[in-house]
């Protein structure tokens, strides 16, 4: 599984060490959840305005969001995760959590959508949050057994 990083209209790009950690983490989650080992996920960092325009144009939603996930194919898996750095920063401040922690939560949230997790009901939101917590814990523990 290849995970590539891009920056669109913001001056943000994770350091190499973080990119490597996230690549391995996302690959392990996809293998665990869907037995997917091939494909490419692009993570594109952008601004609130950029993501708002995408949200309006492609989804018909007229509000800010932290991430939009666009799956293109399942075999091999190809997808784009567009992430608003502005929204992640604001959410981290509001929830009093570290920016990197919130960014990782948003990234894994998008990946879990690719694994057929939904968040459109209270129950599915609870399941999504449990999966996010599980994989964030796995990442922070440094273990590679999911």
N, C-alpha and C. Protein backbone atom coordinates (compact mmCIF):
# COMPACT_ATOMS: atom_id res chain seq x y z
N UNK A 1 0.85 -1.17 0.00
CA UNK A 1 0.00 0.00 0.00
C UNK A 1 0.89 1.23 0.00
N UNK A 2 0.64 2.11 -0.91
CA UNK A 2 1.39 3.36 -0.97
C UNK A 2 0.53 4.49 -0.44
N UNK A 3 1.09 5.26 0.47
CA UNK A 3 0.42 6.44 1.01
C UNK A 3 1.30 7.63 0.67
N UNK A 4 0.74 8.58 -0.07
CA UNK A 4 1.50 9.75 -0.50
C UNK A 4 0.86 11.02 0.06
N UNK A 5 1.68 12.01 0.30
CA UNK A 5 1.23 13.25 0.91
C UNK A 5 1.40 14.40 -0.08
N UNK A 6 0.40 15.29 -0.07
CA UNK A 6 0.42 16.47 -0.92
C UNK A 6 -0.08 17.66 -0.11
N UNK A 7 0.29 18.83 -0.55
CA UNK A 7 -0.22 20.06 0.05
C UNK A 7 -0.79 20.89 -1.08
N UNK A 8 -2.01 21.37 -0.89
CA UNK A 8 -2.67 22.10 -1.97
C UNK A 8 -2.47 23.61 -1.82
N UNK A 9 -3.21 24.23 -0.95
CA UNK A 9 -3.16 25.69 -0.86
C UNK A 9 -2.75 26.15 0.54
N UNK A 10 -2.07 25.29 1.27
CA UNK A 10 -1.58 25.63 2.60
C UNK A 10 -0.09 25.30 2.70
N UNK A 11 0.55 25.95 3.62
CA UNK A 11 1.97 25.70 3.85
C UNK A 11 2.09 24.70 5.00
N UNK A 12 1.74 23.46 4.71
CA UNK A 12 1.80 22.40 5.72
C UNK A 12 2.22 21.11 5.05
N UNK A 13 3.15 20.43 5.70
CA UNK A 13 3.58 19.13 5.22
C UNK A 13 4.22 18.40 6.40
N UNK A 14 3.77 17.19 6.72
CA UNK A 14 4.36 16.47 7.86
C UNK A 14 5.84 16.16 7.62
N UNK A 15 6.58 16.07 8.70
CA UNK A 15 7.99 15.71 8.61
C UNK A 15 8.12 14.27 8.13
N UNK A 16 9.27 13.94 7.57
CA UNK A 16 9.50 12.60 7.01
C UNK A 16 9.22 11.48 8.01
N UNK A 17 9.65 11.67 9.24
CA UNK A 17 9.44 10.63 10.26
C UNK A 17 7.95 10.39 10.48
N UNK A 18 7.17 11.46 10.54
CA UNK A 18 5.71 11.32 10.72
C UNK A 18 5.09 10.67 9.49
N UNK A 19 5.54 11.04 8.31
CA UNK A 19 5.01 10.43 7.09
C UNK A 19 5.25 8.93 7.09
N UNK A 20 6.44 8.52 7.46
CA UNK A 20 6.78 7.10 7.49
C UNK A 20 5.92 6.36 8.50
N UNK A 21 5.76 6.93 9.68
CA UNK A 21 4.93 6.33 10.72
C UNK A 21 3.49 6.18 10.25
N UNK A 22 2.95 7.23 9.64
CA UNK A 22 1.56 7.21 9.17
C UNK A 22 1.39 6.22 8.02
N UNK A 23 2.34 6.15 7.13
CA UNK A 23 2.26 5.17 6.03
C UNK A 23 2.14 3.75 6.56
N UNK A 24 3.02 3.39 7.48
CA UNK A 24 2.99 2.04 8.04
C UNK A 24 1.69 1.80 8.80
N UNK A 25 1.24 2.78 9.55
CA UNK A 25 0.03 2.68 10.35
C UNK A 25 -1.20 2.47 9.46
N UNK A 26 -1.35 3.31 8.45
CA UNK A 26 -2.50 3.20 7.55
C UNK A 26 -2.48 1.85 6.83
N UNK A 27 -1.33 1.45 6.37
CA UNK A 27 -1.22 0.15 5.69
C UNK A 27 -1.65 -0.99 6.61
N UNK A 28 -1.23 -0.94 7.86
CA UNK A 28 -1.59 -2.00 8.82
C UNK A 28 -3.09 -1.99 9.10
N UNK A 29 -3.68 -0.81 9.23
CA UNK A 29 -5.12 -0.72 9.48
C UNK A 29 -5.91 -1.29 8.30
N UNK A 30 -5.52 -0.94 7.09
CA UNK A 30 -6.21 -1.44 5.91
C UNK A 30 -6.07 -2.95 5.77
N UNK A 31 -4.90 -3.46 6.10
CA UNK A 31 -4.71 -4.90 6.04
C UNK A 31 -5.56 -5.60 7.10
N UNK A 32 -5.63 -5.02 8.28
CA UNK A 32 -6.40 -5.61 9.37
C UNK A 32 -7.91 -5.55 9.09
N UNK A 33 -8.39 -4.43 8.60
CA UNK A 33 -9.82 -4.24 8.41
C UNK A 33 -10.36 -4.87 7.13
N UNK A 34 -9.59 -4.79 6.05
CA UNK A 34 -10.12 -5.24 4.75
C UNK A 34 -9.19 -6.17 3.99
N UNK A 35 -8.10 -6.58 4.62
CA UNK A 35 -7.10 -7.43 3.97
C UNK A 35 -6.60 -6.80 2.68
N UNK A 36 -6.47 -5.47 2.69
CA UNK A 36 -5.97 -4.73 1.53
C UNK A 36 -4.48 -4.48 1.70
N UNK A 37 -3.72 -4.84 0.68
CA UNK A 37 -2.27 -4.62 0.74
C UNK A 37 -1.75 -3.82 -0.45
N UNK A 38 -2.60 -3.59 -1.45
CA UNK A 38 -2.13 -2.86 -2.64
C UNK A 38 -3.02 -1.66 -2.92
N UNK A 39 -2.43 -0.68 -3.55
CA UNK A 39 -3.17 0.50 -3.93
C UNK A 39 -2.44 1.76 -3.54
N UNK A 40 -3.15 2.88 -3.64
CA UNK A 40 -2.56 4.18 -3.31
C UNK A 40 -3.60 5.09 -2.67
N UNK A 41 -3.22 5.64 -1.55
CA UNK A 41 -4.03 6.66 -0.89
C UNK A 41 -3.23 7.95 -0.91
N UNK A 42 -3.86 9.00 -1.40
CA UNK A 42 -3.25 10.33 -1.37
C UNK A 42 -3.90 11.11 -0.25
N UNK A 43 -3.07 11.71 0.59
CA UNK A 43 -3.55 12.59 1.65
C UNK A 43 -3.17 14.00 1.24
N UNK A 44 -4.20 14.82 1.00
CA UNK A 44 -3.99 16.17 0.50
C UNK A 44 -4.38 17.16 1.58
N UNK A 45 -3.42 17.95 2.03
CA UNK A 45 -3.67 18.96 3.05
C UNK A 45 -4.08 20.25 2.36
N UNK A 46 -5.14 20.89 2.88
CA UNK A 46 -5.67 22.09 2.25
C UNK A 46 -6.26 23.01 3.31
N UNK A 47 -6.85 24.11 2.86
CA UNK A 47 -7.46 25.09 3.75
C UNK A 47 -8.95 24.81 3.94
N UNK A 48 -9.54 25.50 4.90
CA UNK A 48 -10.98 25.44 5.10
C UNK A 48 -11.73 25.81 3.82
N UNK A 49 -11.31 26.90 3.20
CA UNK A 49 -12.01 27.39 2.01
C UNK A 49 -11.95 26.38 0.87
N UNK A 50 -10.80 25.79 0.67
CA UNK A 50 -10.63 24.79 -0.38
C UNK A 50 -11.57 23.61 -0.16
N UNK A 51 -11.60 23.12 1.09
CA UNK A 51 -12.43 21.96 1.39
C UNK A 51 -13.91 22.32 1.38
N UNK A 52 -14.26 23.53 1.79
CA UNK A 52 -15.65 23.97 1.73
C UNK A 52 -16.14 23.96 0.28
N UNK A 53 -15.33 24.46 -0.63
CA UNK A 53 -15.72 24.48 -2.04
C UNK A 53 -15.89 23.06 -2.58
N UNK A 54 -15.03 22.14 -2.17
CA UNK A 54 -15.18 20.74 -2.59
C UNK A 54 -16.45 20.14 -1.99
N UNK A 55 -16.70 20.44 -0.73
CA UNK A 55 -17.88 19.93 -0.05
C UNK A 55 -19.15 20.41 -0.75
N UNK A 56 -19.16 21.65 -1.18
CA UNK A 56 -20.31 22.21 -1.88
C UNK A 56 -20.45 21.60 -3.27
N UNK A 57 -19.35 21.56 -4.01
CA UNK A 57 -19.40 21.11 -5.40
C UNK A 57 -19.71 19.62 -5.54
N UNK A 58 -19.04 18.79 -4.74
CA UNK A 58 -19.16 17.35 -4.94
C UNK A 58 -20.18 16.67 -4.04
N UNK A 59 -20.46 17.26 -2.88
CA UNK A 59 -21.37 16.60 -1.95
C UNK A 59 -22.64 17.41 -1.67
N UNK A 60 -22.68 18.65 -2.16
CA UNK A 60 -23.85 19.48 -1.94
C UNK A 60 -24.01 19.93 -0.50
N UNK A 61 -22.92 19.90 0.27
CA UNK A 61 -22.95 20.33 1.67
C UNK A 61 -22.39 21.74 1.76
N UNK A 62 -23.04 22.58 2.54
CA UNK A 62 -22.63 23.97 2.64
C UNK A 62 -22.09 24.29 4.03
N UNK A 63 -21.09 23.49 4.46
CA UNK A 63 -20.49 23.71 5.76
C UNK A 63 -19.03 23.24 5.74
N UNK A 64 -18.28 23.75 6.72
CA UNK A 64 -16.88 23.36 6.86
C UNK A 64 -16.82 21.94 7.40
N UNK A 65 -15.78 21.23 7.03
CA UNK A 65 -15.53 19.89 7.54
C UNK A 65 -14.02 19.70 7.64
N UNK A 66 -13.62 18.69 8.41
CA UNK A 66 -12.17 18.48 8.55
C UNK A 66 -11.62 17.53 7.50
N UNK A 67 -12.47 16.64 6.97
CA UNK A 67 -11.98 15.68 5.98
C UNK A 67 -13.10 15.29 5.02
N UNK A 68 -12.70 15.05 3.79
CA UNK A 68 -13.58 14.42 2.79
C UNK A 68 -12.78 13.27 2.19
N UNK A 69 -13.42 12.12 2.16
CA UNK A 69 -12.79 10.91 1.63
C UNK A 69 -13.42 10.58 0.29
N UNK A 70 -12.59 10.44 -0.73
CA UNK A 70 -13.05 10.06 -2.06
C UNK A 70 -12.43 8.72 -2.44
N UNK A 71 -13.20 7.63 -2.32
CA UNK A 71 -12.69 6.34 -2.80
C UNK A 71 -12.93 6.25 -4.31
N UNK A 72 -11.95 5.73 -5.04
CA UNK A 72 -12.08 5.61 -6.49
C UNK A 72 -12.20 4.16 -6.94
N UNK A 73 -11.44 3.27 -6.31
CA UNK A 73 -11.56 1.85 -6.64
C UNK A 73 -11.18 1.03 -5.42
N UNK A 74 -11.69 -0.21 -5.37
CA UNK A 74 -11.38 -1.09 -4.25
C UNK A 74 -10.23 -2.03 -4.54
N UNK A 75 -10.07 -2.42 -5.80
CA UNK A 75 -9.02 -3.37 -6.16
C UNK A 75 -8.26 -2.88 -7.38
N UNK A 76 -7.09 -2.35 -7.24
CA UNK A 76 -6.46 -2.00 -5.97
C UNK A 76 -7.15 -0.77 -5.38
N UNK A 77 -7.01 -0.61 -4.07
CA UNK A 77 -7.63 0.53 -3.40
C UNK A 77 -6.95 1.82 -3.85
N UNK A 78 -7.74 2.74 -4.34
CA UNK A 78 -7.24 4.08 -4.63
C UNK A 78 -8.22 5.08 -4.04
N UNK A 79 -7.68 6.09 -3.39
CA UNK A 79 -8.53 7.07 -2.74
C UNK A 79 -7.75 8.35 -2.45
N UNK A 80 -8.51 9.43 -2.30
CA UNK A 80 -7.95 10.70 -1.86
C UNK A 80 -8.61 11.07 -0.53
N UNK A 81 -7.79 11.53 0.40
CA UNK A 81 -8.28 12.07 1.66
C UNK A 81 -7.90 13.54 1.67
N UNK A 82 -8.88 14.42 1.56
CA UNK A 82 -8.65 15.86 1.62
C UNK A 82 -8.87 16.31 3.05
N UNK A 83 -7.86 16.95 3.63
CA UNK A 83 -7.91 17.33 5.05
C UNK A 83 -7.68 18.82 5.19
N UNK A 84 -8.62 19.50 5.86
CA UNK A 84 -8.46 20.92 6.15
C UNK A 84 -7.58 21.09 7.37
N UNK A 85 -6.40 21.62 7.17
CA UNK A 85 -5.47 21.88 8.27
C UNK A 85 -6.07 22.93 9.20
N UNK A 86 -6.79 23.91 8.64
CA UNK A 86 -7.44 24.94 9.46
C UNK A 86 -8.44 24.31 10.43
N UNK A 87 -9.27 23.42 9.92
CA UNK A 87 -10.32 22.79 10.74
C UNK A 87 -9.69 21.88 11.80
N UNK A 88 -8.66 21.13 11.42
CA UNK A 88 -7.99 20.26 12.38
C UNK A 88 -7.39 21.10 13.50
N UNK A 89 -6.76 22.21 13.15
CA UNK A 89 -6.16 23.09 14.16
C UNK A 89 -7.24 23.67 15.08
N UNK A 90 -8.34 24.13 14.52
CA UNK A 90 -9.44 24.67 15.33
C UNK A 90 -10.03 23.59 16.24
N UNK A 91 -10.25 22.39 15.70
CA UNK A 91 -10.80 21.30 16.51
C UNK A 91 -9.86 20.93 17.65
N UNK A 92 -8.57 20.88 17.36
CA UNK A 92 -7.59 20.56 18.40
C UNK A 92 -7.64 21.60 19.52
N UNK A 93 -7.73 22.87 19.15
CA UNK A 93 -7.82 23.94 20.15
C UNK A 93 -9.10 23.81 20.97
N UNK A 94 -10.22 23.58 20.30
CA UNK A 94 -11.51 23.48 20.99
C UNK A 94 -11.57 22.28 21.93
N UNK A 95 -10.94 21.18 21.55
CA UNK A 95 -10.98 19.96 22.37
C UNK A 95 -9.77 19.86 23.29
N UNK A 96 -8.89 20.87 23.22
CA UNK A 96 -7.69 20.92 24.06
C UNK A 96 -6.84 19.66 23.90
N UNK A 97 -6.59 19.29 22.64
CA UNK A 97 -5.71 18.17 22.32
C UNK A 97 -4.59 18.67 21.41
N UNK A 98 -3.54 17.91 21.35
CA UNK A 98 -2.41 18.23 20.51
C UNK A 98 -2.81 18.18 19.03
N UNK A 99 -2.28 19.10 18.24
CA UNK A 99 -2.60 19.15 16.80
C UNK A 99 -2.30 17.82 16.12
N UNK A 100 -1.14 17.22 16.40
CA UNK A 100 -0.78 15.96 15.75
C UNK A 100 -1.75 14.86 16.11
N UNK A 101 -2.19 14.82 17.36
CA UNK A 101 -3.17 13.82 17.79
C UNK A 101 -4.48 13.98 17.01
N UNK A 102 -4.94 15.21 16.88
CA UNK A 102 -6.19 15.44 16.16
C UNK A 102 -6.02 15.14 14.66
N UNK A 103 -4.88 15.49 14.10
CA UNK A 103 -4.62 15.19 12.69
C UNK A 103 -4.64 13.69 12.46
N UNK A 104 -4.03 12.95 13.34
CA UNK A 104 -4.03 11.49 13.21
C UNK A 104 -5.46 10.93 13.32
N UNK A 105 -6.26 11.48 14.23
CA UNK A 105 -7.64 11.02 14.36
C UNK A 105 -8.40 11.28 13.05
N UNK A 106 -8.20 12.43 12.47
CA UNK A 106 -8.89 12.76 11.22
C UNK A 106 -8.42 11.84 10.09
N UNK A 107 -7.12 11.58 10.02
CA UNK A 107 -6.61 10.68 8.98
C UNK A 107 -7.20 9.29 9.12
N UNK A 108 -7.21 8.75 10.35
CA UNK A 108 -7.72 7.39 10.52
C UNK A 108 -9.22 7.36 10.30
N UNK A 109 -9.90 8.44 10.60
CA UNK A 109 -11.34 8.54 10.32
C UNK A 109 -11.58 8.35 8.82
N UNK A 110 -10.82 9.04 8.00
CA UNK A 110 -10.95 8.89 6.56
C UNK A 110 -10.63 7.48 6.09
N UNK A 111 -9.59 6.89 6.66
CA UNK A 111 -9.22 5.52 6.30
C UNK A 111 -10.33 4.55 6.70
N UNK A 112 -10.93 4.76 7.86
CA UNK A 112 -12.01 3.87 8.30
C UNK A 112 -13.22 3.97 7.38
N UNK A 113 -13.46 5.14 6.81
CA UNK A 113 -14.53 5.24 5.79
C UNK A 113 -14.22 4.31 4.62
N UNK A 114 -12.95 4.20 4.26
CA UNK A 114 -12.56 3.29 3.18
C UNK A 114 -12.76 1.83 3.57
N UNK A 115 -12.85 1.59 4.87
CA UNK A 115 -13.06 0.23 5.39
C UNK A 115 -14.54 -0.01 5.71
N UNK A 116 -15.40 0.79 5.10
CA UNK A 116 -16.85 0.65 5.22
C UNK A 116 -17.44 1.07 6.55
N UNK A 117 -16.69 1.83 7.35
CA UNK A 117 -17.27 2.42 8.55
C UNK A 117 -18.08 3.64 8.13
N UNK A 118 -19.20 3.84 8.79
CA UNK A 118 -20.06 4.99 8.53
C UNK A 118 -20.12 5.84 9.79
N UNK A 119 -20.69 7.03 9.65
CA UNK A 119 -20.89 7.89 10.82
C UNK A 119 -22.17 8.71 10.67
N UNK A 120 -23.18 8.08 10.08
CA UNK A 120 -24.43 8.80 9.81
C UNK A 120 -25.52 8.53 10.84
N UNK A 121 -25.27 7.68 11.82
CA UNK A 121 -26.22 7.45 12.92
C UNK A 121 -25.43 7.50 14.23
N UNK A 122 -26.14 7.61 15.34
CA UNK A 122 -25.46 7.62 16.63
C UNK A 122 -24.68 6.33 16.85
N UNK A 123 -25.28 5.20 16.48
CA UNK A 123 -24.60 3.93 16.66
C UNK A 123 -23.36 3.82 15.78
N UNK A 124 -23.47 4.22 14.52
CA UNK A 124 -22.30 4.13 13.64
C UNK A 124 -21.22 5.13 14.06
N UNK A 125 -21.62 6.28 14.60
CA UNK A 125 -20.64 7.24 15.11
C UNK A 125 -19.88 6.65 16.30
N UNK A 126 -20.59 5.94 17.17
CA UNK A 126 -19.97 5.29 18.32
C UNK A 126 -18.98 4.22 17.86
N UNK A 127 -19.38 3.42 16.87
CA UNK A 127 -18.50 2.38 16.33
C UNK A 127 -17.27 2.99 15.67
N UNK A 128 -17.48 4.08 14.94
CA UNK A 128 -16.36 4.77 14.30
C UNK A 128 -15.40 5.29 15.36
N UNK A 129 -15.91 5.91 16.41
CA UNK A 129 -15.06 6.46 17.46
C UNK A 129 -14.28 5.35 18.17
N UNK A 130 -14.92 4.22 18.41
CA UNK A 130 -14.23 3.08 19.04
C UNK A 130 -13.08 2.58 18.15
N UNK A 131 -13.33 2.50 16.86
CA UNK A 131 -12.28 2.06 15.93
C UNK A 131 -11.15 3.10 15.88
N UNK A 132 -11.50 4.38 15.84
CA UNK A 132 -10.47 5.43 15.86
C UNK A 132 -9.61 5.28 17.11
N UNK A 133 -10.27 5.14 18.27
CA UNK A 133 -9.53 5.02 19.53
C UNK A 133 -8.62 3.79 19.52
N UNK A 134 -9.15 2.69 19.01
CA UNK A 134 -8.37 1.45 18.95
C UNK A 134 -7.09 1.65 18.14
N UNK A 135 -7.22 2.24 16.96
CA UNK A 135 -6.06 2.40 16.09
C UNK A 135 -5.14 3.52 16.54
N UNK A 136 -5.67 4.55 17.20
CA UNK A 136 -4.81 5.58 17.77
C UNK A 136 -4.01 5.01 18.94
N UNK A 137 -4.65 4.17 19.73
CA UNK A 137 -3.95 3.50 20.84
C UNK A 137 -2.85 2.59 20.29
N UNK A 138 -3.17 1.87 19.25
CA UNK A 138 -2.18 0.99 18.63
C UNK A 138 -0.97 1.80 18.17
N UNK A 139 -1.24 2.93 17.54
CA UNK A 139 -0.15 3.78 17.04
C UNK A 139 0.69 4.32 18.20
N UNK A 140 0.03 4.83 19.22
CA UNK A 140 0.78 5.45 20.33
C UNK A 140 1.53 4.42 21.18
N UNK A 141 1.06 3.17 21.16
CA UNK A 141 1.73 2.14 21.96
C UNK A 141 3.03 1.66 21.31
N UNK A 142 3.15 1.91 20.01
CA UNK A 142 4.34 1.47 19.30
C UNK A 142 4.34 -0.01 18.95
N UNK A 143 3.24 -0.68 19.29
CA UNK A 143 3.13 -2.10 18.95
C UNK A 143 2.66 -2.22 17.50
N UNK A 144 2.97 -3.35 16.93
CA UNK A 144 2.52 -3.56 15.56
C UNK A 144 1.56 -4.74 15.47
N UNK A 145 0.98 -5.09 16.60
CA UNK A 145 -0.07 -6.11 16.63
C UNK A 145 -1.39 -5.40 16.86
N UNK A 146 -2.22 -5.40 15.86
CA UNK A 146 -3.49 -4.68 15.98
C UNK A 146 -4.50 -5.54 16.68
